[in-house]
Amino acid sequence: MPRGQWRRAISLYIQERLFLFILVGLLFAMGIVFGTLSAQNLEPGQKTELLQYIHFFFQGMKQETQPVTDAVLARNAIFNHLKTIFFFSLLGISVIGVPLILFLLFAKGYILGFTIGFILQQLAGKGFLFTVTSVFPHYVLIIPALMIAGVANIDLAGALLRSRFGKVTRPVSTDLVQGLGLNGLALSLLILSGLIEGFVSPLFIYWVAKLF
């Protein structure tokens, strides 16, 4: 397919499902907000324990004589992403699993918000630098991948539901293939993010750790 047709197809897909993209984006953003608020409202003892863990982590990194990339970390991250896409797909095909997809998107945002919120609150400028170098590089791919997978599988669930009531405008197989392709795209982004998390982020973390 020529590049211009690809662009039109993508633009049309987004326009037809704009509500879903907004819904998914809002839920993820709400998760980030609630996660950040939760980090700010931790008990003093919990804050101390988490902060000690962070400092212990940085002290360990400072003792390294050179950056250490981690194939195990990359492999585990990719495996977790595989499970996420598989679970999203399963929930979409089941139709009734759509609320769980929405909940998982909120939870992913909550975890991100909690992590960033706590680090920024406790480490200020150094925390910002750490967040930019260690979290941003792979999350810049994770966030759009989760949105693509979320919208694709919610849309697939809607198509399957319409087919059960005979309200179809095209074969269900078309929606299945489309959903499979979009899940594949999301997975590709997530695999790349896993490689960045294991082989690129540690390089940045190594240099940031020198500031602690």
N, C-alpha and C. Protein backbone atom coordinates (compact mmCIF):
# COMPACT_ATOMS: atom_id res chain seq x y z
N MET A 1 0.85 -1.19 0.00
CA MET A 1 0.00 0.00 0.00
C MET A 1 0.89 1.24 0.00
N PRO A 2 0.64 2.20 -0.90
CA PRO A 2 1.43 3.43 -0.93
C PRO A 2 1.36 4.19 0.38
N ARG A 3 2.39 5.01 0.62
CA ARG A 3 2.47 5.72 1.89
C ARG A 3 1.26 6.61 2.13
N GLY A 4 0.79 7.28 1.07
CA GLY A 4 -0.37 8.15 1.22
C GLY A 4 -1.61 7.39 1.66
N GLN A 5 -1.80 6.18 1.13
CA GLN A 5 -2.96 5.38 1.52
C GLN A 5 -2.83 4.92 2.97
N TRP A 6 -1.61 4.59 3.39
CA TRP A 6 -1.39 4.21 4.79
C TRP A 6 -1.80 5.36 5.71
N ARG A 7 -1.39 6.56 5.36
CA ARG A 7 -1.71 7.72 6.19
C ARG A 7 -3.21 7.95 6.26
N ARG A 8 -3.88 7.82 5.13
CA ARG A 8 -5.33 8.01 5.11
C ARG A 8 -6.03 6.93 5.93
N ALA A 9 -5.54 5.70 5.82
CA ALA A 9 -6.14 4.60 6.57
C ALA A 9 -5.98 4.81 8.07
N ILE A 10 -4.78 5.23 8.47
CA ILE A 10 -4.53 5.48 9.90
C ILE A 10 -5.39 6.64 10.40
N SER A 11 -5.46 7.71 9.60
CA SER A 11 -6.25 8.87 9.97
C SER A 11 -7.73 8.51 10.11
N LEU A 12 -8.24 7.70 9.16
CA LEU A 12 -9.64 7.28 9.20
C LEU A 12 -9.90 6.40 10.41
N TYR A 13 -8.97 5.50 10.71
CA TYR A 13 -9.13 4.60 11.85
C TYR A 13 -9.24 5.40 13.15
N ILE A 14 -8.37 6.40 13.30
CA ILE A 14 -8.39 7.21 14.51
C ILE A 14 -9.66 8.05 14.59
N GLN A 15 -10.08 8.63 13.47
CA GLN A 15 -11.28 9.45 13.46
C GLN A 15 -12.51 8.64 13.84
N GLU A 16 -12.61 7.42 13.33
CA GLU A 16 -13.77 6.58 13.59
C GLU A 16 -13.80 6.07 15.03
N ARG A 17 -12.65 6.07 15.68
CA ARG A 17 -12.56 5.55 17.05
C ARG A 17 -12.02 6.60 18.01
N LEU A 18 -12.27 7.86 17.69
CA LEU A 18 -11.73 8.95 18.48
C LEU A 18 -12.21 8.87 19.93
N PHE A 19 -13.48 8.50 20.11
CA PHE A 19 -14.02 8.38 21.47
C PHE A 19 -13.23 7.36 22.29
N LEU A 20 -12.91 6.22 21.67
CA LEU A 20 -12.15 5.19 22.38
C LEU A 20 -10.75 5.68 22.74
N PHE A 21 -10.12 6.37 21.82
CA PHE A 21 -8.78 6.90 22.11
C PHE A 21 -8.83 7.91 23.26
N ILE A 22 -9.87 8.76 23.26
CA ILE A 22 -10.02 9.73 24.35
C ILE A 22 -10.28 9.02 25.67
N LEU A 23 -11.16 8.01 25.64
CA LEU A 23 -11.49 7.25 26.85
C LEU A 23 -10.25 6.57 27.42
N VAL A 24 -9.52 5.88 26.56
CA VAL A 24 -8.30 5.18 26.99
C VAL A 24 -7.27 6.18 27.53
N GLY A 25 -7.10 7.29 26.82
CA GLY A 25 -6.14 8.30 27.27
C GLY A 25 -6.52 8.91 28.60
N LEU A 26 -7.81 9.18 28.80
CA LEU A 26 -8.27 9.76 30.06
C LEU A 26 -8.07 8.80 31.22
N LEU A 27 -8.39 7.52 31.00
CA LEU A 27 -8.22 6.54 32.07
C LEU A 27 -6.75 6.40 32.46
N PHE A 28 -5.88 6.37 31.46
CA PHE A 28 -4.45 6.27 31.75
C PHE A 28 -3.98 7.51 32.50
N ALA A 29 -4.44 8.68 32.06
CA ALA A 29 -4.05 9.94 32.71
C ALA A 29 -4.59 9.99 34.14
N MET A 30 -5.83 9.52 34.34
CA MET A 30 -6.39 9.48 35.69
C MET A 30 -5.57 8.56 36.59
N GLY A 31 -5.11 7.44 36.02
CA GLY A 31 -4.26 6.54 36.78
C GLY A 31 -2.98 7.23 37.23
N ILE A 32 -2.38 8.00 36.33
CA ILE A 32 -1.16 8.74 36.67
C ILE A 32 -1.43 9.73 37.80
N VAL A 33 -2.54 10.45 37.71
CA VAL A 33 -2.88 11.45 38.73
C VAL A 33 -3.09 10.78 40.08
N PHE A 34 -3.89 9.70 40.11
CA PHE A 34 -4.15 9.01 41.38
C PHE A 34 -2.88 8.38 41.93
N GLY A 35 -2.03 7.87 41.06
CA GLY A 35 -0.76 7.30 41.51
C GLY A 35 0.12 8.35 42.14
N THR A 36 0.18 9.53 41.52
CA THR A 36 0.98 10.63 42.06
C THR A 36 0.46 11.07 43.42
N LEU A 37 -0.87 11.17 43.55
CA LEU A 37 -1.46 11.56 44.83
C LEU A 37 -1.19 10.51 45.90
N SER A 38 -1.24 9.24 45.53
CA SER A 38 -0.97 8.17 46.49
C SER A 38 0.47 8.24 46.99
N ALA A 39 1.39 8.57 46.08
CA ALA A 39 2.80 8.68 46.47
C ALA A 39 3.00 9.82 47.47
N GLN A 40 2.23 10.88 47.31
CA GLN A 40 2.37 12.03 48.20
C GLN A 40 1.75 11.77 49.57
N ASN A 41 0.82 10.82 49.64
CA ASN A 41 0.10 10.56 50.89
C ASN A 41 0.56 9.29 51.60
N LEU A 42 1.75 8.81 51.27
CA LEU A 42 2.29 7.64 51.95
C LEU A 42 2.59 7.97 53.41
N GLU A 43 2.52 6.94 54.25
CA GLU A 43 2.91 7.10 55.65
C GLU A 43 4.41 7.37 55.72
N PRO A 44 4.87 8.13 56.71
CA PRO A 44 6.30 8.43 56.84
C PRO A 44 7.18 7.19 56.84
N GLY A 45 6.74 6.13 57.51
CA GLY A 45 7.52 4.90 57.54
C GLY A 45 7.66 4.27 56.17
N GLN A 46 6.58 4.31 55.39
CA GLN A 46 6.62 3.75 54.04
C GLN A 46 7.55 4.57 53.14
N LYS A 47 7.49 5.90 53.30
CA LYS A 47 8.38 6.76 52.50
C LYS A 47 9.84 6.47 52.82
N THR A 48 10.12 6.33 54.11
CA THR A 48 11.50 6.07 54.53
C THR A 48 12.01 4.75 53.96
N GLU A 49 11.16 3.73 54.01
CA GLU A 49 11.55 2.41 53.51
C GLU A 49 11.83 2.45 52.01
N LEU A 50 10.95 3.09 51.25
CA LEU A 50 11.15 3.18 49.80
C LEU A 50 12.37 4.03 49.46
N LEU A 51 12.57 5.10 50.20
CA LEU A 51 13.71 5.97 49.94
C LEU A 51 15.02 5.25 50.24
N GLN A 52 15.03 4.43 51.28
CA GLN A 52 16.23 3.64 51.60
C GLN A 52 16.54 2.67 50.48
N TYR A 53 15.49 2.09 49.91
CA TYR A 53 15.69 1.16 48.80
C TYR A 53 16.29 1.88 47.59
N ILE A 54 15.79 3.08 47.30
CA ILE A 54 16.30 3.85 46.16
C ILE A 54 17.77 4.20 46.37
N HIS A 55 18.11 4.66 47.58
CA HIS A 55 19.50 5.01 47.86
C HIS A 55 20.41 3.78 47.80
N PHE A 56 19.90 2.65 48.28
CA PHE A 56 20.67 1.41 48.20
C PHE A 56 20.93 1.04 46.75
N PHE A 57 19.92 1.24 45.90
CA PHE A 57 20.06 0.95 44.47
C PHE A 57 21.14 1.83 43.85
N PHE A 58 21.10 3.12 44.18
CA PHE A 58 22.08 4.04 43.60
C PHE A 58 23.49 3.78 44.13
N GLN A 59 23.59 3.41 45.40
CA GLN A 59 24.91 3.09 45.94
C GLN A 59 25.51 1.89 45.23
N GLY A 60 24.65 0.92 44.92
CA GLY A 60 25.13 -0.25 44.17
C GLY A 60 25.59 0.13 42.77
N MET A 61 24.85 1.05 42.13
CA MET A 61 25.24 1.49 40.79
C MET A 61 26.55 2.27 40.82
N LYS A 62 26.76 3.06 41.88
CA LYS A 62 27.97 3.87 41.98
C LYS A 62 29.22 3.00 42.12
N GLN A 63 29.04 1.80 42.65
CA GLN A 63 30.19 0.91 42.84
C GLN A 63 30.61 0.22 41.55
N GLU A 64 29.75 0.28 40.54
CA GLU A 64 30.10 -0.32 39.26
C GLU A 64 31.17 0.53 38.57
N THR A 65 32.11 -0.13 37.96
CA THR A 65 33.20 0.59 37.27
C THR A 65 32.82 0.98 35.85
N GLN A 66 31.75 0.38 35.32
CA GLN A 66 31.28 0.72 33.99
C GLN A 66 29.79 0.39 33.89
N PRO A 67 29.08 0.99 32.94
CA PRO A 67 27.65 0.71 32.79
C PRO A 67 27.39 -0.78 32.58
N VAL A 68 26.34 -1.26 33.23
CA VAL A 68 26.00 -2.68 33.13
C VAL A 68 24.65 -2.82 32.43
N THR A 69 24.67 -3.32 31.22
CA THR A 69 23.41 -3.62 30.53
C THR A 69 22.90 -4.96 31.03
N ASP A 70 21.61 -5.16 30.92
CA ASP A 70 21.00 -6.33 31.56
C ASP A 70 20.09 -7.06 30.59
N ALA A 71 20.58 -8.17 30.04
CA ALA A 71 19.78 -8.97 29.12
C ALA A 71 18.61 -9.61 29.84
N VAL A 72 18.81 -9.97 31.12
CA VAL A 72 17.73 -10.58 31.90
C VAL A 72 16.59 -9.58 32.10
N LEU A 73 16.95 -8.33 32.41
CA LEU A 73 15.94 -7.29 32.57
C LEU A 73 15.16 -7.09 31.28
N ALA A 74 15.87 -7.05 30.16
CA ALA A 74 15.21 -6.89 28.86
C ALA A 74 14.29 -8.06 28.58
N ARG A 75 14.77 -9.28 28.85
CA ARG A 75 13.96 -10.47 28.59
C ARG A 75 12.70 -10.49 29.47
N ASN A 76 12.86 -10.14 30.74
CA ASN A 76 11.71 -10.12 31.64
C ASN A 76 10.70 -9.05 31.23
N ALA A 77 11.22 -7.89 30.82
CA ALA A 77 10.32 -6.81 30.39
C ALA A 77 9.53 -7.23 29.16
N ILE A 78 10.21 -7.85 28.20
CA ILE A 78 9.54 -8.29 26.97
C ILE A 78 8.52 -9.37 27.28
N PHE A 79 8.87 -10.30 28.19
CA PHE A 79 7.94 -11.37 28.56
C PHE A 79 6.69 -10.78 29.22
N ASN A 80 6.88 -9.80 30.09
CA ASN A 80 5.73 -9.16 30.73
C ASN A 80 4.86 -8.43 29.71
N HIS A 81 5.49 -7.82 28.72
CA HIS A 81 4.73 -7.15 27.66
C HIS A 81 3.95 -8.16 26.82
N LEU A 82 4.56 -9.31 26.57
CA LEU A 82 3.86 -10.38 25.85
C LEU A 82 2.61 -10.80 26.61
N LYS A 83 2.74 -10.95 27.91
CA LYS A 83 1.59 -11.35 28.73
C LYS A 83 0.51 -10.27 28.69
N THR A 84 0.93 -9.01 28.71
CA THR A 84 -0.04 -7.92 28.68
C THR A 84 -0.86 -7.93 27.39
N ILE A 85 -0.18 -8.05 26.25
CA ILE A 85 -0.88 -8.07 24.96
C ILE A 85 -1.76 -9.31 24.84
N PHE A 86 -1.26 -10.45 25.30
CA PHE A 86 -2.07 -11.68 25.26
C PHE A 86 -3.32 -11.51 26.10
N PHE A 87 -3.17 -10.93 27.29
CA PHE A 87 -4.30 -10.75 28.19
C PHE A 87 -5.30 -9.76 27.59
N PHE A 88 -4.80 -8.66 27.02
CA PHE A 88 -5.68 -7.70 26.36
C PHE A 88 -6.47 -8.37 25.24
N SER A 89 -5.79 -9.17 24.43
CA SER A 89 -6.44 -9.85 23.30
C SER A 89 -7.51 -10.81 23.80
N LEU A 90 -7.18 -11.56 24.84
CA LEU A 90 -8.13 -12.52 25.40
C LEU A 90 -9.37 -11.81 25.94
N LEU A 91 -9.16 -10.70 26.61
CA LEU A 91 -10.28 -9.94 27.16
C LEU A 91 -11.13 -9.34 26.04
N GLY A 92 -10.48 -8.89 24.96
CA GLY A 92 -11.23 -8.34 23.83
C GLY A 92 -12.08 -9.39 23.15
N ILE A 93 -11.52 -10.56 22.92
CA ILE A 93 -12.26 -11.65 22.27
C ILE A 93 -13.41 -12.13 23.14
N SER A 94 -13.22 -12.08 24.46
CA SER A 94 -14.28 -12.54 25.36
C SER A 94 -15.44 -11.56 25.42
N VAL A 95 -15.25 -10.35 24.93
CA VAL A 95 -16.25 -9.27 24.91
C VAL A 95 -16.51 -8.72 26.33
N ILE A 96 -16.83 -9.61 27.26
CA ILE A 96 -17.17 -9.15 28.62
C ILE A 96 -15.93 -8.67 29.37
N GLY A 97 -14.77 -8.85 28.78
CA GLY A 97 -13.54 -8.44 29.46
C GLY A 97 -13.16 -6.99 29.24
N VAL A 98 -13.99 -6.22 28.52
CA VAL A 98 -13.67 -4.82 28.25
C VAL A 98 -13.45 -4.00 29.52
N PRO A 99 -14.31 -4.14 30.56
CA PRO A 99 -14.05 -3.39 31.79
C PRO A 99 -12.68 -3.69 32.39
N LEU A 100 -12.23 -4.92 32.26
CA LEU A 100 -10.90 -5.28 32.78
C LEU A 100 -9.79 -4.61 31.98
N ILE A 101 -9.98 -4.48 30.67
CA ILE A 101 -9.00 -3.76 29.85
C ILE A 101 -8.88 -2.32 30.35
N LEU A 102 -10.02 -1.70 30.59
CA LEU A 102 -10.02 -0.32 31.08
C LEU A 102 -9.35 -0.22 32.45
N PHE A 103 -9.64 -1.20 33.31
CA PHE A 103 -9.03 -1.21 34.64
C PHE A 103 -7.51 -1.37 34.55
N LEU A 104 -7.05 -2.25 33.67
CA LEU A 104 -5.61 -2.48 33.51
C LEU A 104 -4.91 -1.22 33.00
N LEU A 105 -5.55 -0.51 32.09
CA LEU A 105 -4.97 0.74 31.59
C LEU A 105 -4.85 1.76 32.72
N PHE A 106 -5.88 1.84 33.55
CA PHE A 106 -5.84 2.73 34.71
C PHE A 106 -4.71 2.31 35.66
N ALA A 107 -4.59 0.99 35.89
CA ALA A 107 -3.56 0.48 36.80
C ALA A 107 -2.16 0.77 36.28
N LYS A 108 -1.97 0.62 34.96
CA LYS A 108 -0.66 0.93 34.37
C LYS A 108 -0.31 2.40 34.59
N GLY A 109 -1.29 3.27 34.40
CA GLY A 109 -1.07 4.69 34.64
C GLY A 109 -0.80 4.97 36.11
N TYR A 110 -1.50 4.26 36.99
CA TYR A 110 -1.33 4.44 38.44
C TYR A 110 0.10 4.10 38.85
N ILE A 111 0.61 2.98 38.36
CA ILE A 111 1.97 2.56 38.69
C ILE A 111 3.00 3.59 38.22
N LEU A 112 2.80 4.07 36.99
CA LEU A 112 3.71 5.08 36.45
C LEU A 112 3.65 6.36 37.27
N GLY A 113 2.44 6.80 37.59
CA GLY A 113 2.27 8.02 38.37
C GLY A 113 2.86 7.91 39.76
N PHE A 114 2.67 6.76 40.39
CA PHE A 114 3.22 6.54 41.73
C PHE A 114 4.74 6.59 41.70
N THR A 115 5.32 5.90 40.71
CA THR A 115 6.78 5.85 40.60
C THR A 115 7.37 7.24 40.39
N ILE A 116 6.85 7.94 39.39
CA ILE A 116 7.38 9.27 39.08
C ILE A 116 7.10 10.25 40.22
N GLY A 117 5.88 10.18 40.76
CA GLY A 117 5.51 11.09 41.84
C GLY A 117 6.39 10.94 43.06
N PHE A 118 6.67 9.70 43.45
CA PHE A 118 7.50 9.47 44.63
C PHE A 118 8.93 9.94 44.40
N ILE A 119 9.48 9.59 43.25
CA ILE A 119 10.87 9.97 42.96
C ILE A 119 11.03 11.49 42.90
N LEU A 120 10.09 12.17 42.24
CA LEU A 120 10.19 13.63 42.15
C LEU A 120 10.01 14.29 43.51
N GLN A 121 9.10 13.74 44.31
CA GLN A 121 8.85 14.33 45.62
C GLN A 121 10.05 14.18 46.55
N GLN A 122 10.69 13.04 46.49
CA GLN A 122 11.77 12.75 47.43
C GLN A 122 13.14 13.22 46.95
N LEU A 123 13.35 13.24 45.64
CA LEU A 123 14.68 13.53 45.12
C LEU A 123 14.77 14.83 44.33
N ALA A 124 13.64 15.51 44.18
CA ALA A 124 13.61 16.84 43.53
C ALA A 124 14.32 16.84 42.17
N GLY A 125 15.31 17.71 42.01
CA GLY A 125 15.98 17.85 40.71
C GLY A 125 16.66 16.58 40.26
N LYS A 126 17.31 15.88 41.19
CA LYS A 126 17.95 14.62 40.84
C LYS A 126 16.90 13.59 40.43
N GLY A 127 15.75 13.65 41.09
CA GLY A 127 14.67 12.73 40.74
C GLY A 127 14.15 13.00 39.34
N PHE A 128 14.08 14.28 38.97
CA PHE A 128 13.65 14.63 37.62
C PHE A 128 14.63 14.08 36.59
N LEU A 129 15.91 14.25 36.87
CA LEU A 129 16.94 13.75 35.95
C LEU A 129 16.87 12.24 35.83
N PHE A 130 16.66 11.58 36.96
CA PHE A 130 16.55 10.12 36.95
C PHE A 130 15.33 9.67 36.15
N THR A 131 14.21 10.37 36.35
CA THR A 131 12.97 10.02 35.64
C THR A 131 13.14 10.18 34.14
N VAL A 132 13.75 11.28 33.72
CA VAL A 132 13.94 11.55 32.30
C VAL A 132 14.83 10.50 31.65
N THR A 133 15.87 10.07 32.38
CA THR A 133 16.85 9.15 31.78
C THR A 133 16.49 7.68 31.93
N SER A 134 15.76 7.32 32.99
CA SER A 134 15.51 5.91 33.25
C SER A 134 14.09 5.46 32.96
N VAL A 135 13.13 6.37 33.02
CA VAL A 135 11.72 6.01 32.81
C VAL A 135 11.24 6.44 31.43
N PHE A 136 11.56 7.67 31.06
CA PHE A 136 11.06 8.22 29.80
C PHE A 136 11.47 7.42 28.56
N PRO A 137 12.73 6.96 28.43
CA PRO A 137 13.15 6.31 27.18
C PRO A 137 12.29 5.14 26.75
N HIS A 138 11.86 4.30 27.70
CA HIS A 138 11.04 3.16 27.28
C HIS A 138 9.54 3.44 27.40
N TYR A 139 9.16 4.35 28.29
CA TYR A 139 7.73 4.65 28.41
C TYR A 139 7.21 5.48 27.24
N VAL A 140 8.10 6.14 26.53
CA VAL A 140 7.66 6.89 25.35
C VAL A 140 7.13 5.93 24.28
N LEU A 141 7.48 4.66 24.38
CA LEU A 141 6.94 3.63 23.49
C LEU A 141 5.83 2.84 24.16
N ILE A 142 5.94 2.63 25.47
CA ILE A 142 4.95 1.83 26.19
C ILE A 142 3.58 2.49 26.16
N ILE A 143 3.54 3.80 26.38
CA ILE A 143 2.25 4.50 26.46
C ILE A 143 1.46 4.41 25.15
N PRO A 144 2.02 4.76 24.00
CA PRO A 144 1.24 4.60 22.76
C PRO A 144 0.91 3.15 22.46
N ALA A 145 1.80 2.22 22.83
CA ALA A 145 1.52 0.80 22.59
C ALA A 145 0.31 0.35 23.39
N LEU A 146 0.23 0.76 24.65
CA LEU A 146 -0.91 0.40 25.49
C LEU A 146 -2.20 1.01 24.96
N MET A 147 -2.12 2.24 24.46
CA MET A 147 -3.31 2.89 23.91
C MET A 147 -3.77 2.18 22.65
N ILE A 148 -2.83 1.81 21.79
CA ILE A 148 -3.18 1.09 20.56
C ILE A 148 -3.82 -0.25 20.89
N ALA A 149 -3.20 -1.00 21.81
CA ALA A 149 -3.74 -2.32 22.18
C ALA A 149 -5.09 -2.18 22.86
N GLY A 150 -5.22 -1.18 23.73
CA GLY A 150 -6.49 -0.98 24.42
C GLY A 150 -7.62 -0.68 23.46
N VAL A 151 -7.40 0.30 22.58
CA VAL A 151 -8.43 0.67 21.60
C VAL A 151 -8.73 -0.49 20.66
N ALA A 152 -7.70 -1.17 20.17
CA ALA A 152 -7.89 -2.26 19.21
C ALA A 152 -8.75 -3.37 19.80
N ASN A 153 -8.50 -3.74 21.05
CA ASN A 153 -9.23 -4.87 21.64
C ASN A 153 -10.62 -4.48 22.13
N ILE A 154 -10.79 -3.24 22.55
CA ILE A 154 -12.13 -2.77 22.88
C ILE A 154 -12.97 -2.69 21.60
N ASP A 155 -12.36 -2.20 20.53
CA ASP A 155 -13.05 -2.12 19.24
C ASP A 155 -13.40 -3.51 18.73
N LEU A 156 -12.49 -4.46 18.91
CA LEU A 156 -12.76 -5.84 18.49
C LEU A 156 -13.92 -6.42 19.28
N ALA A 157 -13.95 -6.15 20.59
CA ALA A 157 -15.05 -6.64 21.41
C ALA A 157 -16.38 -6.07 20.92
N GLY A 158 -16.38 -4.79 20.55
CA GLY A 158 -17.60 -4.18 20.02
C GLY A 158 -18.04 -4.82 18.71
N ALA A 159 -17.08 -5.13 17.84
CA ALA A 159 -17.41 -5.77 16.56
C ALA A 159 -17.98 -7.16 16.78
N LEU A 160 -17.41 -7.92 17.72
CA LEU A 160 -17.91 -9.26 18.01
C LEU A 160 -19.30 -9.20 18.63
N LEU A 161 -19.52 -8.19 19.47
CA LEU A 161 -20.84 -8.03 20.09
C LEU A 161 -21.89 -7.69 19.04
N ARG A 162 -21.55 -6.80 18.11
CA ARG A 162 -22.49 -6.45 17.04
C ARG A 162 -22.80 -7.65 16.17
N SER A 163 -21.81 -8.50 15.94
CA SER A 163 -22.03 -9.67 15.09
C SER A 163 -23.00 -10.65 15.74
N ARG A 164 -23.00 -10.72 17.05
CA ARG A 164 -23.90 -11.63 17.75
C ARG A 164 -25.35 -11.19 17.63
N PHE A 165 -25.55 -9.89 17.43
CA PHE A 165 -26.90 -9.37 17.27
C PHE A 165 -27.25 -9.10 15.81
N GLY A 166 -26.37 -9.57 14.92
CA GLY A 166 -26.63 -9.45 13.49
C GLY A 166 -26.46 -8.06 12.93
N LYS A 167 -25.81 -7.17 13.69
CA LYS A 167 -25.62 -5.79 13.23
C LYS A 167 -24.20 -5.62 12.70
N VAL A 168 -23.92 -6.26 11.59
CA VAL A 168 -22.57 -6.22 11.03
C VAL A 168 -22.59 -5.52 9.68
N THR A 169 -21.54 -4.76 9.43
CA THR A 169 -21.40 -4.08 8.14
C THR A 169 -20.27 -4.68 7.31
N ARG A 170 -19.51 -5.59 7.93
CA ARG A 170 -18.42 -6.27 7.23
C ARG A 170 -18.14 -7.57 7.96
N PRO A 171 -17.47 -8.52 7.33
CA PRO A 171 -17.19 -9.80 7.98
C PRO A 171 -16.40 -9.62 9.27
N VAL A 172 -16.73 -10.43 10.28
CA VAL A 172 -16.02 -10.37 11.56
C VAL A 172 -14.55 -10.71 11.37
N SER A 173 -14.27 -11.56 10.39
CA SER A 173 -12.87 -11.94 10.14
C SER A 173 -12.01 -10.72 9.84
N THR A 174 -12.61 -9.71 9.19
CA THR A 174 -11.87 -8.48 8.90
C THR A 174 -11.46 -7.77 10.19
N ASP A 175 -12.40 -7.73 11.15
CA ASP A 175 -12.11 -7.11 12.44
C ASP A 175 -11.06 -7.91 13.20
N LEU A 176 -11.13 -9.23 13.10
CA LEU A 176 -10.15 -10.08 13.78
C LEU A 176 -8.74 -9.86 13.22
N VAL A 177 -8.65 -9.79 11.90
CA VAL A 177 -7.34 -9.56 11.27
C VAL A 177 -6.81 -8.17 11.64
N GLN A 178 -7.71 -7.19 11.63
CA GLN A 178 -7.31 -5.83 11.99
C GLN A 178 -6.82 -5.78 13.44
N GLY A 179 -7.56 -6.45 14.33
CA GLY A 179 -7.17 -6.49 15.73
C GLY A 179 -5.84 -7.18 15.92
N LEU A 180 -5.64 -8.27 15.18
CA LEU A 180 -4.38 -9.00 15.26
C LEU A 180 -3.21 -8.13 14.81
N GLY A 181 -3.43 -7.39 13.71
CA GLY A 181 -2.38 -6.52 13.19
C GLY A 181 -2.02 -5.41 14.17
N LEU A 182 -3.03 -4.80 14.79
CA LEU A 182 -2.77 -3.71 15.73
C LEU A 182 -2.12 -4.22 17.01
N ASN A 183 -2.52 -5.42 17.45
CA ASN A 183 -1.85 -6.02 18.60
C ASN A 183 -0.39 -6.32 18.28
N GLY A 184 -0.15 -6.73 17.03
CA GLY A 184 1.22 -6.98 16.60
C GLY A 184 2.04 -5.70 16.60
N LEU A 185 1.42 -4.60 16.16
CA LEU A 185 2.10 -3.30 16.17
C LEU A 185 2.43 -2.88 17.59
N ALA A 186 1.44 -3.02 18.48
CA ALA A 186 1.66 -2.66 19.89
C ALA A 186 2.77 -3.51 20.50
N LEU A 187 2.75 -4.81 20.18
CA LEU A 187 3.77 -5.71 20.72
C LEU A 187 5.16 -5.34 20.20
N SER A 188 5.24 -4.94 18.94
CA SER A 188 6.53 -4.52 18.38
C SER A 188 7.10 -3.33 19.14
N LEU A 189 6.23 -2.36 19.45
CA LEU A 189 6.66 -1.20 20.22
C LEU A 189 7.11 -1.61 21.62
N LEU A 190 6.37 -2.55 22.21
CA LEU A 190 6.70 -2.99 23.57
C LEU A 190 8.00 -3.79 23.61
N ILE A 191 8.24 -4.59 22.58
CA ILE A 191 9.51 -5.33 22.51
C ILE A 191 10.67 -4.35 22.41
N LEU A 192 10.50 -3.32 21.58
CA LEU A 192 11.55 -2.31 21.45
C LEU A 192 11.76 -1.58 22.79
N SER A 193 10.67 -1.32 23.49
CA SER A 193 10.80 -0.65 24.79
C SER A 193 11.52 -1.55 25.79
N GLY A 194 11.28 -2.87 25.71
CA GLY A 194 11.99 -3.80 26.59
C GLY A 194 13.48 -3.81 26.32
N LEU A 195 13.85 -3.75 25.06
CA LEU A 195 15.27 -3.70 24.70
C LEU A 195 15.91 -2.40 25.20
N ILE A 196 15.17 -1.30 25.09
CA ILE A 196 15.68 -0.02 25.60
C ILE A 196 15.85 -0.08 27.11
N GLU A 197 14.85 -0.68 27.79
CA GLU A 197 14.90 -0.78 29.25
C GLU A 197 16.10 -1.61 29.72
N GLY A 198 16.43 -2.65 28.96
CA GLY A 198 17.53 -3.52 29.37
C GLY A 198 18.90 -3.08 28.91
N PHE A 199 18.97 -2.40 27.76
CA PHE A 199 20.28 -2.11 27.17
C PHE A 199 20.62 -0.63 27.04
N VAL A 200 19.62 0.25 27.12
CA VAL A 200 19.89 1.68 26.96
C VAL A 200 19.73 2.43 28.29
N SER A 201 18.60 2.22 28.96
CA SER A 201 18.36 2.92 30.23
C SER A 201 19.47 2.70 31.25
N PRO A 202 20.01 1.46 31.40
CA PRO A 202 21.10 1.28 32.38
C PRO A 202 22.31 2.16 32.12
N LEU A 203 22.55 2.51 30.86
CA LEU A 203 23.67 3.40 30.55
C LEU A 203 23.44 4.79 31.15
N PHE A 204 22.20 5.27 31.02
CA PHE A 204 21.86 6.57 31.60
C PHE A 204 21.87 6.51 33.13
N ILE A 205 21.28 5.43 33.67
CA ILE A 205 21.21 5.30 35.13
C ILE A 205 22.60 5.29 35.74
N TYR A 206 23.54 4.65 35.06
CA TYR A 206 24.91 4.57 35.56
C TYR A 206 25.49 5.97 35.78
N TRP A 207 25.28 6.86 34.82
CA TRP A 207 25.83 8.20 34.93
C TRP A 207 25.04 9.06 35.92
N VAL A 208 23.73 8.88 35.97
CA VAL A 208 22.91 9.63 36.93
C VAL A 208 23.25 9.22 38.36
N ALA A 209 23.54 7.94 38.56
CA ALA A 209 23.86 7.43 39.91
C ALA A 209 25.06 8.14 40.51
N LYS A 210 25.95 8.64 39.68
CA LYS A 210 27.14 9.33 40.17
C LYS A 210 26.79 10.61 40.92
N LEU A 211 25.57 11.12 40.70
CA LEU A 211 25.16 12.36 41.35
C LEU A 211 24.63 12.13 42.75
N PHE A 212 24.39 10.87 43.13
CA PHE A 212 23.77 10.58 44.42
C PHE A 212 24.82 10.24 45.47
